[in-house]
N, C-alpha and C. Protein backbone atom coordinates (compact mmCIF):
# COMPACT_ATOMS: atom_id res chain seq x y z
N MET A 1 0.84 -1.18 0.00
CA MET A 1 0.00 0.00 0.00
C MET A 1 0.89 1.25 0.00
N ALA A 2 0.70 2.07 -0.98
CA ALA A 2 1.51 3.28 -1.12
C ALA A 2 0.96 4.40 -0.24
N THR A 3 1.87 5.15 0.34
CA THR A 3 1.46 6.29 1.16
C THR A 3 1.33 7.51 0.27
N ALA A 4 0.79 8.57 0.83
CA ALA A 4 0.62 9.82 0.07
C ALA A 4 1.98 10.36 -0.36
N ILE A 5 2.98 10.23 0.49
CA ILE A 5 4.32 10.71 0.15
C ILE A 5 4.88 9.93 -1.03
N ASP A 6 4.68 8.61 -1.03
CA ASP A 6 5.15 7.79 -2.14
C ASP A 6 4.46 8.18 -3.45
N GLU A 7 3.17 8.45 -3.37
CA GLU A 7 2.43 8.85 -4.56
C GLU A 7 2.90 10.20 -5.09
N LEU A 8 3.17 11.15 -4.19
CA LEU A 8 3.67 12.46 -4.62
C LEU A 8 5.06 12.34 -5.24
N LYS A 9 5.91 11.47 -4.69
CA LYS A 9 7.24 11.25 -5.26
C LYS A 9 7.12 10.63 -6.66
N ARG A 10 6.21 9.69 -6.81
CA ARG A 10 6.01 9.05 -8.11
C ARG A 10 5.48 10.04 -9.13
N LEU A 11 4.52 10.87 -8.71
CA LEU A 11 3.96 11.89 -9.59
C LEU A 11 5.01 12.92 -9.97
N SER A 12 5.82 13.34 -9.01
CA SER A 12 6.89 14.30 -9.26
C SER A 12 7.90 13.73 -10.25
N ALA A 13 8.28 12.49 -10.08
CA ALA A 13 9.24 11.86 -11.00
C ALA A 13 8.66 11.77 -12.40
N ASN A 14 7.37 11.49 -12.50
CA ASN A 14 6.72 11.41 -13.81
C ASN A 14 6.70 12.78 -14.49
N ILE A 15 6.38 13.83 -13.75
CA ILE A 15 6.36 15.18 -14.31
C ILE A 15 7.76 15.61 -14.73
N GLU A 16 8.77 15.22 -13.94
CA GLU A 16 10.15 15.60 -14.24
C GLU A 16 10.67 14.97 -15.53
N THR A 17 9.99 13.97 -16.05
CA THR A 17 10.41 13.41 -17.34
C THR A 17 10.05 14.35 -18.48
N VAL A 18 9.08 15.24 -18.24
CA VAL A 18 8.64 16.19 -19.26
C VAL A 18 9.21 17.58 -19.00
N ILE A 19 9.20 18.01 -17.76
CA ILE A 19 9.71 19.33 -17.38
C ILE A 19 11.07 19.12 -16.74
N VAL A 20 12.12 19.42 -17.48
CA VAL A 20 13.48 19.13 -17.03
C VAL A 20 14.07 20.34 -16.33
N GLY A 21 14.74 20.10 -15.20
CA GLY A 21 15.47 21.15 -14.50
C GLY A 21 14.66 22.04 -13.61
N LYS A 22 13.45 21.66 -13.29
CA LYS A 22 12.57 22.49 -12.46
C LYS A 22 12.04 21.69 -11.28
N GLN A 23 12.89 20.91 -10.62
CA GLN A 23 12.44 20.03 -9.53
C GLN A 23 11.79 20.81 -8.40
N THR A 24 12.40 21.93 -8.01
CA THR A 24 11.83 22.72 -6.92
C THR A 24 10.46 23.27 -7.28
N SER A 25 10.32 23.76 -8.50
CA SER A 25 9.03 24.31 -8.93
C SER A 25 7.96 23.22 -8.99
N ILE A 26 8.33 22.05 -9.42
CA ILE A 26 7.39 20.93 -9.49
C ILE A 26 6.92 20.55 -8.10
N LYS A 27 7.85 20.46 -7.16
CA LYS A 27 7.48 20.10 -5.79
C LYS A 27 6.58 21.14 -5.17
N LEU A 28 6.89 22.41 -5.38
CA LEU A 28 6.04 23.47 -4.84
C LEU A 28 4.66 23.46 -5.47
N ALA A 29 4.59 23.16 -6.77
CA ALA A 29 3.30 23.10 -7.46
C ALA A 29 2.45 21.94 -6.94
N LEU A 30 3.09 20.84 -6.56
CA LEU A 30 2.35 19.70 -6.03
C LEU A 30 1.92 19.91 -4.57
N ILE A 31 2.73 20.62 -3.81
CA ILE A 31 2.44 20.84 -2.39
C ILE A 31 1.41 21.94 -2.19
N SER A 32 1.44 22.95 -3.04
CA SER A 32 0.58 24.13 -2.88
C SER A 32 -0.91 23.79 -2.72
N PRO A 33 -1.51 22.97 -3.59
CA PRO A 33 -2.95 22.67 -3.41
C PRO A 33 -3.25 21.91 -2.12
N LEU A 34 -2.28 21.13 -1.65
CA LEU A 34 -2.49 20.40 -0.40
C LEU A 34 -2.56 21.34 0.80
N CYS A 35 -1.93 22.50 0.66
CA CYS A 35 -1.94 23.51 1.73
C CYS A 35 -3.00 24.58 1.49
N ARG A 36 -3.89 24.30 0.54
CA ARG A 36 -4.94 25.24 0.14
C ARG A 36 -4.35 26.55 -0.37
N GLY A 37 -3.21 26.44 -1.03
CA GLY A 37 -2.54 27.61 -1.55
C GLY A 37 -2.70 27.71 -3.06
N GLN A 38 -2.06 28.72 -3.60
CA GLN A 38 -2.08 28.94 -5.04
C GLN A 38 -0.64 29.08 -5.51
N PHE A 39 -0.43 28.88 -6.79
CA PHE A 39 0.90 29.08 -7.34
C PHE A 39 0.80 29.69 -8.72
N LEU A 40 1.82 30.43 -9.07
CA LEU A 40 1.88 31.10 -10.36
C LEU A 40 3.10 30.59 -11.09
N ILE A 41 2.91 30.13 -12.31
CA ILE A 41 4.03 29.63 -13.11
C ILE A 41 4.63 30.79 -13.88
N GLU A 42 5.88 31.10 -13.58
CA GLU A 42 6.61 32.15 -14.28
C GLU A 42 7.88 31.55 -14.85
N ASP A 43 8.25 31.97 -16.03
CA ASP A 43 9.47 31.47 -16.66
C ASP A 43 9.82 32.38 -17.81
N VAL A 44 10.80 32.00 -18.56
CA VAL A 44 11.22 32.75 -19.72
C VAL A 44 10.08 32.74 -20.75
N PRO A 45 9.81 33.86 -21.44
CA PRO A 45 8.74 33.90 -22.42
C PRO A 45 8.93 32.88 -23.56
N ASP A 46 7.81 32.44 -24.12
CA ASP A 46 7.77 31.56 -25.30
C ASP A 46 8.30 30.15 -25.04
N LEU A 47 8.09 29.64 -23.84
CA LEU A 47 8.52 28.27 -23.56
C LEU A 47 7.35 27.28 -23.51
N GLY A 48 6.18 27.71 -23.94
CA GLY A 48 5.06 26.78 -24.05
C GLY A 48 4.33 26.50 -22.75
N LYS A 49 4.28 27.46 -21.84
CA LYS A 49 3.53 27.27 -20.61
C LYS A 49 2.03 27.31 -20.86
N THR A 50 1.62 27.97 -21.92
CA THR A 50 0.21 28.09 -22.26
C THR A 50 0.00 27.56 -23.67
N THR A 51 -1.02 26.76 -23.84
CA THR A 51 -1.36 26.28 -25.18
C THR A 51 -2.78 26.71 -25.49
N TYR A 52 -3.03 26.97 -26.74
CA TYR A 52 -4.37 27.39 -27.18
C TYR A 52 -5.00 26.31 -27.99
């Protein structure tokens, strides 16, 4: 039986296969909703953060 921490680690590792070099941002993005918080994704322009 997997714990919540194990599931978050697995999810983080899966996301890190697509978003490279942003481990801290990924962890904060996963933790924020659990703390009833919000997060804003900021980065260099034109890197595909938004798709239409």
